[in-house]
Amino acid sequence: WYDEEARERQAAQCPQHPGEALRFLCQPCSQLLCRECRLDPHLDHPCLPLAEAVRARKPGLEELLAGVDSNLVELEAARRAEKEALAQLREQAARVGTQVEEAAERVLRALLAQKQEV
């Protein structure tokens, strides 16, 4: 009795009917309903008790989550590869920058040497 009462208080509440727990899923509307909503606008709609709807949709949700997990692994691998590529590009840019500075210094020395000759 106490467990059921505690569960009742923890259940999501209906925004239209304060104090009423959401207990059903209207299949055509994909909307959670309380007892009052179930009787009024959704009376002719096929509805499932919430626990049954959860059980029915759980395998599909688990499959979707497995796909998300798989995508997450792939994205993490791609992120690591991009991070490594970025590090390599930075190293390469630093090497190229050093080479440009060295080449500019050689040209400057050659120009200064020519100036001395003139």
PDB file of N, CA and C in Angstrom:
ATOM      1  N   TRP A   1       0.816  -1.189   0.000  1.00  0.00           N
ATOM      2  CA  TRP A   1       0.000   0.000   0.000  1.00  0.00           C
ATOM      3  C   TRP A   1       0.863   1.257   0.000  1.00  0.00           C
ATOM      4  N   TYR A   2       1.863   1.295   0.889  1.00  0.00           N
ATOM      5  CA  TYR A   2       2.735   2.467   0.980  1.00  0.00           C
ATOM      6  C   TYR A   2       3.511   2.662  -0.317  1.00  0.00           C
ATOM      7  N   ASP A   3       4.044   1.559  -0.890  1.00  0.00           N
ATOM      8  CA  ASP A   3       4.813   1.661  -2.134  1.00  0.00           C
ATOM      9  C   ASP A   3       3.970   2.238  -3.255  1.00  0.00           C
ATOM     10  N   GLU A   4       2.738   1.763  -3.352  1.00  0.00           N
ATOM     11  CA  GLU A   4       1.849   2.262  -4.403  1.00  0.00           C
ATOM     12  C   GLU A   4       1.553   3.745  -4.205  1.00  0.00           C
ATOM     13  N   GLU A   5       1.348   4.130  -2.969  1.00  0.00           N
ATOM     14  CA  GLU A   5       1.076   5.538  -2.662  1.00  0.00           C
ATOM     15  C   GLU A   5       2.301   6.407  -2.965  1.00  0.00           C
ATOM     16  N   ALA A   6       3.471   5.924  -2.634  1.00  0.00           N
ATOM     17  CA  ALA A   6       4.709   6.665  -2.918  1.00  0.00           C
ATOM     18  C   ALA A   6       4.916   6.783  -4.423  1.00  0.00           C
ATOM     19  N   ARG A   7       4.670   5.690  -5.135  1.00  0.00           N
ATOM     20  CA  ARG A   7       4.803   5.712  -6.597  1.00  0.00           C
ATOM     21  C   ARG A   7       3.823   6.705  -7.210  1.00  0.00           C
ATOM     22  N   GLU A   8       2.629   6.748  -6.669  1.00  0.00           N
ATOM     23  CA  GLU A   8       1.580   7.661  -7.136  1.00  0.00           C
ATOM     24  C   GLU A   8       2.042   9.110  -7.008  1.00  0.00           C
ATOM     25  N   ARG A   9       2.660   9.425  -5.865  1.00  0.00           N
ATOM     26  CA  ARG A   9       3.121  10.805  -5.642  1.00  0.00           C
ATOM     27  C   ARG A   9       4.290  11.159  -6.539  1.00  0.00           C
ATOM     28  N   GLN A  10       5.104  10.168  -6.902  1.00  0.00           N
ATOM     29  CA  GLN A  10       6.269  10.416  -7.737  1.00  0.00           C
ATOM     30  C   GLN A  10       5.909  10.467  -9.224  1.00  0.00           C
ATOM     31  N   ALA A  11       4.757   9.968  -9.598  1.00  0.00           N
ATOM     32  CA  ALA A  11       4.361   9.938 -11.004  1.00  0.00           C
ATOM     33  C   ALA A  11       4.222  11.355 -11.539  1.00  0.00           C
ATOM     34  N   ALA A  12       4.497  11.489 -12.830  1.00  0.00           N
ATOM     35  CA  ALA A  12       4.349  12.794 -13.469  1.00  0.00           C
ATOM     36  C   ALA A  12       2.890  13.235 -13.379  1.00  0.00           C
ATOM     37  N   GLN A  13       2.691  14.502 -13.136  1.00  0.00           N
ATOM     38  CA  GLN A  13       1.346  15.039 -12.954  1.00  0.00           C
ATOM     39  C   GLN A  13       0.826  15.653 -14.250  1.00  0.00           C
ATOM     40  N   CYS A  14      -0.460  15.587 -14.435  1.00  0.00           N
ATOM     41  CA  CYS A  14      -1.124  16.151 -15.610  1.00  0.00           C
ATOM     42  C   CYS A  14      -1.121  17.672 -15.513  1.00  0.00           C
ATOM     43  N   PRO A  15      -0.702  18.367 -16.572  1.00  0.00           N
ATOM     44  CA  PRO A  15      -0.717  19.829 -16.524  1.00  0.00           C
ATOM     45  C   PRO A  15      -2.140  20.419 -16.532  1.00  0.00           C
ATOM     46  N   GLN A  16      -3.099  19.697 -17.117  1.00  0.00           N
ATOM     47  CA  GLN A  16      -4.478  20.199 -17.161  1.00  0.00           C
ATOM     48  C   GLN A  16      -5.280  19.855 -15.910  1.00  0.00           C
ATOM     49  N   HIS A  17      -4.899  18.785 -15.228  1.00  0.00           N
ATOM     50  CA  HIS A  17      -5.654  18.319 -14.070  1.00  0.00           C
ATOM     51  C   HIS A  17      -4.706  18.121 -12.888  1.00  0.00           C
ATOM     52  N   PRO A  18      -4.428  19.173 -12.141  1.00  0.00           N
ATOM     53  CA  PRO A  18      -3.490  19.078 -11.019  1.00  0.00           C
ATOM     54  C   PRO A  18      -3.883  17.953 -10.058  1.00  0.00           C
ATOM     55  N   GLY A  19      -2.885  17.210  -9.629  1.00  0.00           N
ATOM     56  CA  GLY A  19      -3.120  16.106  -8.707  1.00  0.00           C
ATOM     57  C   GLY A  19      -3.392  14.788  -9.407  1.00  0.00           C
ATOM     58  N   GLU A  20      -3.607  14.814 -10.702  1.00  0.00           N
ATOM     59  CA  GLU A  20      -3.858  13.583 -11.464  1.00  0.00           C
ATOM     60  C   GLU A  20      -2.546  13.112 -12.106  1.00  0.00           C
ATOM     61  N   ALA A  21      -2.218  11.864 -11.864  1.00  0.00           N
ATOM     62  CA  ALA A  21      -0.998  11.289 -12.442  1.00  0.00           C
ATOM     63  C   ALA A  21      -1.233  10.919 -13.899  1.00  0.00           C
ATOM     64  N   LEU A  22      -0.195  11.024 -14.694  1.00  0.00           N
ATOM     65  CA  LEU A  22      -0.252  10.591 -16.090  1.00  0.00           C
ATOM     66  C   LEU A  22      -0.127   9.066 -16.094  1.00  0.00           C
ATOM     67  N   ARG A  23      -1.184   8.381 -16.551  1.00  0.00           N
ATOM     68  CA  ARG A  23      -1.255   6.923 -16.451  1.00  0.00           C
ATOM     69  C   ARG A  23      -1.404   6.214 -17.790  1.00  0.00           C
ATOM     70  N   PHE A  24      -1.711   6.947 -18.854  1.00  0.00           N
ATOM     71  CA  PHE A  24      -2.003   6.319 -20.136  1.00  0.00           C
ATOM     72  C   PHE A  24      -1.208   6.994 -21.252  1.00  0.00           C
ATOM     73  N   LEU A  25      -1.075   6.245 -22.344  1.00  0.00           N
ATOM     74  CA  LEU A  25      -0.490   6.797 -23.565  1.00  0.00           C
ATOM     75  C   LEU A  25      -1.533   6.685 -24.659  1.00  0.00           C
ATOM     76  N   CYS A  26      -1.940   7.831 -25.201  1.00  0.00           N
ATOM     77  CA  CYS A  26      -2.862   7.849 -26.342  1.00  0.00           C
ATOM     78  C   CYS A  26      -2.027   7.511 -27.568  1.00  0.00           C
ATOM     79  N   GLN A  27      -2.327   6.378 -28.202  1.00  0.00           N
ATOM     80  CA  GLN A  27      -1.502   5.926 -29.320  1.00  0.00           C
ATOM     81  C   GLN A  27      -1.558   6.852 -30.536  1.00  0.00           C
ATOM     82  N   PRO A  28      -2.729   7.285 -30.984  1.00  0.00           N
ATOM     83  CA  PRO A  28      -2.738   8.164 -32.168  1.00  0.00           C
ATOM     84  C   PRO A  28      -2.066   9.522 -31.910  1.00  0.00           C
ATOM     85  N   CYS A  29      -2.204  10.024 -30.702  1.00  0.00           N
ATOM     86  CA  CYS A  29      -1.670  11.357 -30.385  1.00  0.00           C
ATOM     87  C   CYS A  29      -0.262  11.304 -29.801  1.00  0.00           C
ATOM     88  N   SER A  30       0.189  10.108 -29.407  1.00  0.00           N
ATOM     89  CA  SER A  30       1.473   9.947 -28.706  1.00  0.00           C
ATOM     90  C   SER A  30       1.570  10.921 -27.536  1.00  0.00           C
ATOM     91  N   GLN A  31       0.505  10.985 -26.776  1.00  0.00           N
ATOM     92  CA  GLN A  31       0.420  11.931 -25.658  1.00  0.00           C
ATOM     93  C   GLN A  31       0.134  11.171 -24.370  1.00  0.00           C
ATOM     94  N   LEU A  32       0.800  11.596 -23.287  1.00  0.00           N
ATOM     95  CA  LEU A  32       0.529  11.015 -21.978  1.00  0.00           C
ATOM     96  C   LEU A  32      -0.753  11.618 -21.426  1.00  0.00           C
ATOM     97  N   LEU A  33      -1.567  10.776 -20.790  1.00  0.00           N
ATOM     98  CA  LEU A  33      -2.878  11.214 -20.311  1.00  0.00           C
ATOM     99  C   LEU A  33      -3.100  10.794 -18.860  1.00  0.00           C
ATOM    100  N   CYS A  34      -3.902  11.587 -18.169  1.00  0.00           N
ATOM    101  CA  CYS A  34      -4.408  11.187 -16.855  1.00  0.00           C
ATOM    102  C   CYS A  34      -5.783  10.556 -17.071  1.00  0.00           C
ATOM    103  N   ARG A  35      -6.443  10.141 -15.977  1.00  0.00           N
ATOM    104  CA  ARG A  35      -7.780   9.545 -16.109  1.00  0.00           C
ATOM    105  C   ARG A  35      -8.779  10.529 -16.699  1.00  0.00           C
ATOM    106  N   GLU A  36      -8.702  11.783 -16.282  1.00  0.00           N
ATOM    107  CA  GLU A  36      -9.644  12.800 -16.776  1.00  0.00           C
ATOM    108  C   GLU A  36      -9.460  13.036 -18.275  1.00  0.00           C
ATOM    109  N   CYS A  37      -8.202  13.188 -18.703  1.00  0.00           N
ATOM    110  CA  CYS A  37      -7.940  13.411 -20.139  1.00  0.00           C
ATOM    111  C   CYS A  37      -8.376  12.195 -20.958  1.00  0.00           C
ATOM    112  N   ARG A  38      -8.197  11.026 -20.391  1.00  0.00           N
ATOM    113  CA  ARG A  38      -8.569   9.791 -21.080  1.00  0.00           C
ATOM    114  C   ARG A  38     -10.072   9.751 -21.353  1.00  0.00           C
ATOM    115  N   LEU A  39     -10.870  10.294 -20.447  1.00  0.00           N
ATOM    116  CA  LEU A  39     -12.323  10.272 -20.596  1.00  0.00           C
ATOM    117  C   LEU A  39     -12.845  11.369 -21.506  1.00  0.00           C
ATOM    118  N   ASP A  40     -12.148  12.484 -21.555  1.00  0.00           N
ATOM    119  CA  ASP A  40     -12.714  13.610 -22.297  1.00  0.00           C
ATOM    120  C   ASP A  40     -12.268  13.635 -23.761  1.00  0.00           C
ATOM    121  N   PRO A  41     -11.189  14.271 -24.129  1.00  0.00           N
ATOM    122  CA  PRO A  41     -10.917  14.404 -25.567  1.00  0.00           C
ATOM    123  C   PRO A  41     -10.396  13.132 -26.234  1.00  0.00           C
ATOM    124  N   HIS A  42      -9.934  12.152 -25.465  1.00  0.00           N
ATOM    125  CA  HIS A  42      -9.318  10.964 -26.060  1.00  0.00           C
ATOM    126  C   HIS A  42     -10.164   9.701 -25.879  1.00  0.00           C
ATOM    127  N   LEU A  43     -11.423   9.863 -25.579  1.00  0.00           N
ATOM    128  CA  LEU A  43     -12.282   8.722 -25.267  1.00  0.00           C
ATOM    129  C   LEU A  43     -12.321   7.684 -26.384  1.00  0.00           C
ATOM    130  N   ASP A  44     -12.361   8.125 -27.635  1.00  0.00           N
ATOM    131  CA  ASP A  44     -12.454   7.192 -28.757  1.00  0.00           C
ATOM    132  C   ASP A  44     -11.090   6.734 -29.279  1.00  0.00           C
ATOM    133  N   HIS A  45     -10.017   7.204 -28.673  1.00  0.00           N
ATOM    134  CA  HIS A  45      -8.674   6.837 -29.132  1.00  0.00           C
ATOM    135  C   HIS A  45      -8.192   5.575 -28.410  1.00  0.00           C
ATOM    136  N   PRO A  46      -7.463   4.713 -29.129  1.00  0.00           N
ATOM    137  CA  PRO A  46      -6.867   3.562 -28.436  1.00  0.00           C
ATOM    138  C   PRO A  46      -5.742   4.050 -27.518  1.00  0.00           C
ATOM    139  N   CYS A  47      -5.845   3.664 -26.253  1.00  0.00           N
ATOM    140  CA  CYS A  47      -4.858   4.079 -25.261  1.00  0.00           C
ATOM    141  C   CYS A  47      -4.312   2.853 -24.547  1.00  0.00           C
ATOM    142  N   LEU A  48      -3.062   2.943 -24.135  1.00  0.00           N
ATOM    143  CA  LEU A  48      -2.426   1.871 -23.374  1.00  0.00           C
ATOM    144  C   LEU A  48      -2.092   2.369 -21.981  1.00  0.00           C
ATOM    145  N   PRO A  49      -2.169   1.496 -20.989  1.00  0.00           N
ATOM    146  CA  PRO A  49      -1.631   1.881 -19.689  1.00  0.00           C
ATOM    147  C   PRO A  49      -0.141   2.218 -19.864  1.00  0.00           C
ATOM    148  N   LEU A  50       0.333   3.179 -19.129  1.00  0.00           N
ATOM    149  CA  LEU A  50       1.690   3.679 -19.305  1.00  0.00           C
ATOM    150  C   LEU A  50       2.739   2.576 -19.177  1.00  0.00           C
ATOM    151  N   ALA A  51       2.594   1.694 -18.184  1.00  0.00           N
ATOM    152  CA  ALA A  51       3.571   0.610 -18.001  1.00  0.00           C
ATOM    153  C   ALA A  51       3.631  -0.292 -19.233  1.00  0.00           C
ATOM    154  N   GLU A  52       2.474  -0.573 -19.811  1.00  0.00           N
ATOM    155  CA  GLU A  52       2.423  -1.423 -21.008  1.00  0.00           C
ATOM    156  C   GLU A  52       3.060  -0.712 -22.202  1.00  0.00           C
ATOM    157  N   ALA A  53       2.792   0.567 -22.338  1.00  0.00           N
ATOM    158  CA  ALA A  53       3.377   1.345 -23.433  1.00  0.00           C
ATOM    159  C   ALA A  53       4.898   1.394 -23.304  1.00  0.00           C
ATOM    160  N   VAL A  54       5.380   1.529 -22.076  1.00  0.00           N
ATOM    161  CA  VAL A  54       6.830   1.539 -21.844  1.00  0.00           C
ATOM    162  C   VAL A  54       7.425   0.196 -22.255  1.00  0.00           C
ATOM    163  N   ARG A  55       6.793  -0.899 -21.824  1.00  0.00           N
ATOM    164  CA  ARG A  55       7.293  -2.237 -22.194  1.00  0.00           C
ATOM    165  C   ARG A  55       7.293  -2.416 -23.711  1.00  0.00           C
ATOM    166  N   ALA A  56       6.247  -1.922 -24.377  1.00  0.00           N
ATOM    167  CA  ALA A  56       6.143  -2.093 -25.828  1.00  0.00           C
ATOM    168  C   ALA A  56       7.197  -1.285 -26.575  1.00  0.00           C
ATOM    169  N   ARG A  57       7.528  -0.114 -26.062  1.00  0.00           N
ATOM    170  CA  ARG A  57       8.477   0.756 -26.765  1.00  0.00           C
ATOM    171  C   ARG A  57       9.921   0.556 -26.335  1.00  0.00           C
ATOM    172  N   LYS A  58      10.128  -0.148 -25.245  1.00  0.00           N
ATOM    173  CA  LYS A  58      11.479  -0.312 -24.705  1.00  0.00           C
ATOM    174  C   LYS A  58      12.454  -0.950 -25.699  1.00  0.00           C
ATOM    175  N   PRO A  59      12.091  -2.057 -26.393  1.00  0.00           N
ATOM    176  CA  PRO A  59      13.061  -2.651 -27.335  1.00  0.00           C
ATOM    177  C   PRO A  59      13.488  -1.674 -28.436  1.00  0.00           C
ATOM    178  N   GLY A  60      12.538  -0.920 -28.971  1.00  0.00           N
ATOM    179  CA  GLY A  60      12.875   0.054 -30.012  1.00  0.00           C
ATOM    180  C   GLY A  60      13.786   1.144 -29.483  1.00  0.00           C
ATOM    181  N   LEU A  61      13.514   1.595 -28.268  1.00  0.00           N
ATOM    182  CA  LEU A  61      14.357   2.625 -27.657  1.00  0.00           C
ATOM    183  C   LEU A  61      15.754   2.091 -27.370  1.00  0.00           C
ATOM    184  N   GLU A  62      15.827   0.843 -26.909  1.00  0.00           N
ATOM    185  CA  GLU A  62      17.139   0.243 -26.652  1.00  0.00           C
ATOM    186  C   GLU A  62      17.938   0.119 -27.943  1.00  0.00           C
ATOM    187  N   GLU A  63      17.249  -0.224 -29.029  1.00  0.00           N
ATOM    188  CA  GLU A  63      17.919  -0.322 -30.332  1.00  0.00           C
ATOM    189  C   GLU A  63      18.435   1.049 -30.769  1.00  0.00           C
ATOM    190  N   LEU A  64      17.607   2.068 -30.588  1.00  0.00           N
ATOM    191  CA  LEU A  64      18.051   3.426 -30.930  1.00  0.00           C
ATOM    192  C   LEU A  64      19.252   3.846 -30.081  1.00  0.00           C
ATOM    193  N   LEU A  65      19.201   3.522 -28.804  1.00  0.00           N
ATOM    194  CA  LEU A  65      20.317   3.874 -27.921  1.00  0.00           C
ATOM    195  C   LEU A  65      21.589   3.130 -28.310  1.00  0.00           C
ATOM    196  N   ALA A  66      21.453   1.884 -28.731  1.00  0.00           N
ATOM    197  CA  ALA A  66      22.627   1.134 -29.189  1.00  0.00           C
ATOM    198  C   ALA A  66      23.235   1.820 -30.406  1.00  0.00           C
ATOM    199  N   GLY A  67      22.379   2.309 -31.298  1.00  0.00           N
ATOM    200  CA  GLY A  67      22.866   3.057 -32.462  1.00  0.00           C
ATOM    201  C   GLY A  67      23.566   4.336 -32.047  1.00  0.00           C
ATOM    202  N   VAL A  68      23.019   5.001 -31.047  1.00  0.00           N
ATOM    203  CA  VAL A  68      23.635   6.226 -30.540  1.00  0.00           C
ATOM    204  C   VAL A  68      24.995   5.904 -29.932  1.00  0.00           C
ATOM    205  N   ASP A  69      25.070   4.818 -29.153  1.00  0.00           N
ATOM    206  CA  ASP A  69      26.341   4.405 -28.557  1.00  0.00           C
ATOM    207  C   ASP A  69      27.373   4.118 -29.641  1.00  0.00           C
ATOM    208  N   SER A  70      26.941   3.437 -30.686  1.00  0.00           N
ATOM    209  CA  SER A  70      27.837   3.121 -31.790  1.00  0.00           C
ATOM    210  C   SER A  70      28.322   4.411 -32.460  1.00  0.00           C
ATOM    211  N   ASN A  71      27.402   5.324 -32.697  1.00  0.00           N
ATOM    212  CA  ASN A  71      27.783   6.610 -33.300  1.00  0.00           C
ATOM    213  C   ASN A  71      28.731   7.378 -32.396  1.00  0.00           C
ATOM    214  N   LEU A  72      28.501   7.306 -31.103  1.00  0.00           N
ATOM    215  CA  LEU A  72      29.355   8.009 -30.153  1.00  0.00           C
ATOM    216  C   LEU A  72      30.784   7.472 -30.221  1.00  0.00           C
ATOM    217  N   VAL A  73      30.927   6.155 -30.300  1.00  0.00           N
ATOM    218  CA  VAL A  73      32.257   5.549 -30.411  1.00  0.00           C
ATOM    219  C   VAL A  73      32.942   6.039 -31.691  1.00  0.00           C
ATOM    220  N   GLU A  74      32.197   6.046 -32.789  1.00  0.00           N
ATOM    221  CA  GLU A  74      32.757   6.510 -34.062  1.00  0.00           C
ATOM    222  C   GLU A  74      33.137   7.987 -33.998  1.00  0.00           C
ATOM    223  N   LEU A  75      32.282   8.793 -33.388  1.00  0.00           N
ATOM    224  CA  LEU A  75      32.576  10.219 -33.269  1.00  0.00           C
ATOM    225  C   LEU A  75      33.805  10.470 -32.401  1.00  0.00           C
ATOM    226  N   GLU A  76      33.937   9.713 -31.327  1.00  0.00           N
ATOM    227  CA  GLU A  76      35.120   9.853 -30.463  1.00  0.00           C
ATOM    228  C   GLU A  76      36.387   9.489 -31.234  1.00  0.00           C
ATOM    229  N   ALA A  77      36.333   8.425 -32.031  1.00  0.00           N
ATOM    230  CA  ALA A  77      37.485   8.020 -32.836  1.00  0.00           C
ATOM    231  C   ALA A  77      37.823   9.110 -33.859  1.00  0.00           C
ATOM    232  N   ALA A  78      36.807   9.671 -34.481  1.00  0.00           N
ATOM    233  CA  ALA A  78      37.031  10.748 -35.451  1.00  0.00           C
ATOM    234  C   ALA A  78      37.607  11.981 -34.767  1.00  0.00           C
ATOM    235  N   ARG A  79      37.125  12.286 -33.564  1.00  0.00           N
ATOM    236  CA  ARG A  79      37.633  13.436 -32.821  1.00  0.00           C
ATOM    237  C   ARG A  79      39.105  13.249 -32.470  1.00  0.00           C
ATOM    238  N   ARG A  80      39.465  12.031 -32.046  1.00  0.00           N
ATOM    239  CA  ARG A  80      40.867  11.750 -31.730  1.00  0.00           C
ATOM    240  C   ARG A  80      41.736  11.892 -32.976  1.00  0.00           C
ATOM    241  N   ALA A  81      41.255  11.358 -34.104  1.00  0.00           N
ATOM    242  CA  ALA A  81      42.012  11.446 -35.361  1.00  0.00           C
ATOM    243  C   ALA A  81      42.186  12.903 -35.777  1.00  0.00           C
ATOM    244  N   GLU A  82      41.135  13.705 -35.636  1.00  0.00           N
ATOM    245  CA  GLU A  82      41.238  15.118 -35.994  1.00  0.00           C
ATOM    246  C   GLU A  82      42.195  15.856 -35.062  1.00  0.00           C
ATOM    247  N   LYS A  83      42.182  15.493 -33.794  1.00  0.00           N
ATOM    248  CA  LYS A  83      43.088  16.117 -32.829  1.00  0.00           C
ATOM    249  C   LYS A  83      44.539  15.797 -33.189  1.00  0.00           C
ATOM    250  N   GLU A  84      44.801  14.547 -33.551  1.00  0.00           N
ATOM    251  CA  GLU A  84      46.150  14.143 -33.965  1.00  0.00           C
ATOM    252  C   GLU A  84      46.554  14.868 -35.248  1.00  0.00           C
ATOM    253  N   ALA A  85      45.624  14.965 -36.208  1.00  0.00           N
ATOM    254  CA  ALA A  85      45.917  15.649 -37.471  1.00  0.00           C
ATOM    255  C   ALA A  85      46.218  17.124 -37.207  1.00  0.00           C
ATOM    256  N   LEU A  86      45.468  17.734 -36.314  1.00  0.00           N
ATOM    257  CA  LEU A  86      45.702  19.134 -35.971  1.00  0.00           C
ATOM    258  C   LEU A  86      47.082  19.318 -35.348  1.00  0.00           C
ATOM    259  N   ALA A  87      47.479  18.418 -34.461  1.00  0.00           N
ATOM    260  CA  ALA A  87      48.803  18.490 -33.842  1.00  0.00           C
ATOM    261  C   ALA A  87      49.886  18.368 -34.908  1.00  0.00           C
ATOM    262  N   GLN A  88      49.689  17.444 -35.853  1.00  0.00           N
ATOM    263  CA  GLN A  88      50.672  17.285 -36.931  1.00  0.00           C
ATOM    264  C   GLN A  88      50.745  18.533 -37.800  1.00  0.00           C
ATOM    265  N   LEU A  89      49.587  19.140 -38.095  1.00  0.00           N
ATOM    266  CA  LEU A  89      49.573  20.360 -38.900  1.00  0.00           C
ATOM    267  C   LEU A  89      50.284  21.506 -38.178  1.00  0.00           C
ATOM    268  N   ARG A  90      50.090  21.591 -36.874  1.00  0.00           N
ATOM    269  CA  ARG A  90      50.770  22.642 -36.111  1.00  0.00           C
ATOM    270  C   ARG A  90      52.276  22.442 -36.133  1.00  0.00           C
ATOM    271  N   GLU A  91      52.715  21.184 -35.972  1.00  0.00           N
ATOM    272  CA  GLU A  91      54.144  20.896 -36.041  1.00  0.00           C
ATOM    273  C   GLU A  91      54.695  21.247 -37.419  1.00  0.00           C
ATOM    274  N   GLN A  92      53.948  20.874 -38.454  1.00  0.00           N
ATOM    275  CA  GLN A  92      54.371  21.157 -39.822  1.00  0.00           C
ATOM    276  C   GLN A  92      54.418  22.666 -40.057  1.00  0.00           C
ATOM    277  N   ALA A  93      53.429  23.391 -39.553  1.00  0.00           N
ATOM    278  CA  ALA A  93      53.420  24.853 -39.707  1.00  0.00           C
ATOM    279  C   ALA A  93      54.621  25.465 -38.992  1.00  0.00           C
ATOM    280  N   ALA A  94      54.965  24.940 -37.829  1.00  0.00           N
ATOM    281  CA  ALA A  94      56.135  25.455 -37.110  1.00  0.00           C
ATOM    282  C   ALA A  94      57.409  25.179 -37.904  1.00  0.00           C
ATOM    283  N   ARG A  95      57.525  23.982 -38.487  1.00  0.00           N
ATOM    284  CA  ARG A  95      58.709  23.660 -39.307  1.00  0.00           C
ATOM    285  C   ARG A  95      58.787  24.570 -40.527  1.00  0.00           C
ATOM    286  N   VAL A  96      57.658  24.762 -41.201  1.00  0.00           N
ATOM    287  CA  VAL A  96      57.630  25.635 -42.383  1.00  0.00           C
ATOM    288  C   VAL A  96      57.996  27.066 -41.987  1.00  0.00           C
ATOM    289  N   GLY A  97      57.476  27.520 -40.862  1.00  0.00           N
ATOM    290  CA  GLY A  97      57.803  28.866 -40.383  1.00  0.00           C
ATOM    291  C   GLY A  97      59.297  29.012 -40.139  1.00  0.00           C
ATOM    292  N   THR A  98      59.918  28.001 -39.534  1.00  0.00           N
ATOM    293  CA  THR A  98      61.360  28.024 -39.288  1.00  0.00           C
ATOM    294  C   THR A  98      62.115  28.033 -40.609  1.00  0.00           C
ATOM    295  N   GLN A  99      61.678  27.222 -41.557  1.00  0.00           N
ATOM    296  CA  GLN A  99      62.330  27.173 -42.864  1.00  0.00           C
ATOM    297  C   GLN A  99      62.227  28.523 -43.574  1.00  0.00           C
ATOM    298  N   VAL A 100      61.083  29.168 -43.497  1.00  0.00           N
ATOM    299  CA  VAL A 100      60.898  30.488 -44.126  1.00  0.00           C
ATOM    300  C   VAL A 100      61.827  31.506 -43.472  1.00  0.00           C
ATOM    301  N   GLU A 101      61.895  31.478 -42.142  1.00  0.00           N
ATOM    302  CA  GLU A 101      62.787  32.411 -41.450  1.00  0.00           C
ATOM    303  C   GLU A 101      64.240  32.181 -41.844  1.00  0.00           C
ATOM    304  N   GLU A 102      64.654  30.917 -41.925  1.00  0.00           N
ATOM    305  CA  GLU A 102      66.025  30.600 -42.320  1.00  0.00           C
ATOM    306  C   GLU A 102      66.306  31.057 -43.751  1.00  0.00           C
ATOM    307  N   ALA A 103      65.345  30.810 -44.645  1.00  0.00           N
ATOM    308  CA  ALA A 103      65.516  31.231 -46.046  1.00  0.00           C
ATOM    309  C   ALA A 103      65.592  32.747 -46.132  1.00  0.00           C
ATOM    310  N   ALA A 104      64.741  33.451 -45.395  1.00  0.00           N
ATOM    311  CA  ALA A 104      64.758  34.916 -45.412  1.00  0.00           C
ATOM    312  C   ALA A 104      66.085  35.428 -44.869  1.00  0.00           C
ATOM    313  N   GLU A 105      66.598  34.776 -43.852  1.00  0.00           N
ATOM    314  CA  GLU A 105      67.880  35.186 -43.272  1.00  0.00           C
ATOM    315  C   GLU A 105      69.017  34.990 -44.277  1.00  0.00           C
ATOM    316  N   ARG A 106      68.989  33.880 -45.020  1.00  0.00           N
ATOM    317  CA  ARG A 106      70.019  33.629 -46.044  1.00  0.00           C
ATOM    318  C   ARG A 106      69.950  34.692 -47.136  1.00  0.00           C
ATOM    319  N   VAL A 107      68.727  35.004 -47.578  1.00  0.00           N
ATOM    320  CA  VAL A 107      68.564  36.033 -48.620  1.00  0.00           C
ATOM    321  C   VAL A 107      69.079  37.374 -48.103  1.00  0.00           C
ATOM    322  N   LEU A 108      68.750  37.693 -46.862  1.00  0.00           N
ATOM    323  CA  LEU A 108      69.194  38.955 -46.274  1.00  0.00           C
ATOM    324  C   LEU A 108      70.710  38.996 -46.184  1.00  0.00           C
ATOM    325  N   ARG A 109      71.334  37.896 -45.772  1.00  0.00           N
ATOM    326  CA  ARG A 109      72.807  37.842 -45.704  1.00  0.00           C
ATOM    327  C   ARG A 109      73.428  38.016 -47.090  1.00  0.00           C
ATOM    328  N   ALA A 110      72.790  37.341 -48.089  1.00  0.00           N
ATOM    329  CA  ALA A 110      73.312  37.453 -49.457  1.00  0.00           C
ATOM    330  C   ALA A 110      73.193  38.889 -49.947  1.00  0.00           C
ATOM    331  N   LEU A 111      72.080  39.565 -49.646  1.00  0.00           N
ATOM    332  CA  LEU A 111      71.895  40.956 -50.063  1.00  0.00           C
ATOM    333  C   LEU A 111      72.893  41.867 -49.361  1.00  0.00           C
ATOM    334  N   LEU A 112      73.120  41.623 -48.083  1.00  0.00           N
ATOM    335  CA  LEU A 112      74.093  42.430 -47.338  1.00  0.00           C
ATOM    336  C   LEU A 112      75.509  42.190 -47.888  1.00  0.00           C
ATOM    337  N   ALA A 113      75.805  40.952 -48.268  1.00  0.00           N
ATOM    338  CA  ALA A 113      77.126  40.649 -48.849  1.00  0.00           C
ATOM    339  C   ALA A 113      77.288  41.371 -50.177  1.00  0.00           C
ATOM    340  N   GLN A 114      76.228  41.389 -50.998  1.00  0.00           N
ATOM    341  CA  GLN A 114      76.295  42.105 -52.293  1.00  0.00           C
ATOM    342  C   GLN A 114      76.464  43.595 -52.074  1.00  0.00           C
ATOM    343  N   LYS A 115      75.782  44.115 -51.064  1.00  0.00           N
ATOM    344  CA  LYS A 115      75.866  45.538 -50.749  1.00  0.00           C
ATOM    345  C   LYS A 115      77.302  45.880 -50.356  1.00  0.00           C
ATOM    346  N   GLN A 116      77.944  45.001 -49.601  1.00  0.00           N
ATOM    347  CA  GLN A 116      79.312  45.242 -49.171  1.00  0.00           C
ATOM    348  C   GLN A 116      80.258  45.280 -50.361  1.00  0.00           C
ATOM    349  N   GLU A 117      79.963  44.453 -51.374  1.00  0.00           N
ATOM    350  CA  GLU A 117      80.800  44.410 -52.566  1.00  0.00           C
ATOM    351  C   GLU A 117      80.658  45.660 -53.417  1.00  0.00           C
ATOM    352  N   VAL A 118      79.553  46.287 -53.395  1.00  0.00           N
ATOM    353  CA  VAL A 118      79.288  47.454 -54.240  1.00  0.00           C
ATOM    354  C   VAL A 118      79.832  48.673 -53.626  1.00  0.00           C
TER     355      VAL A 118
END
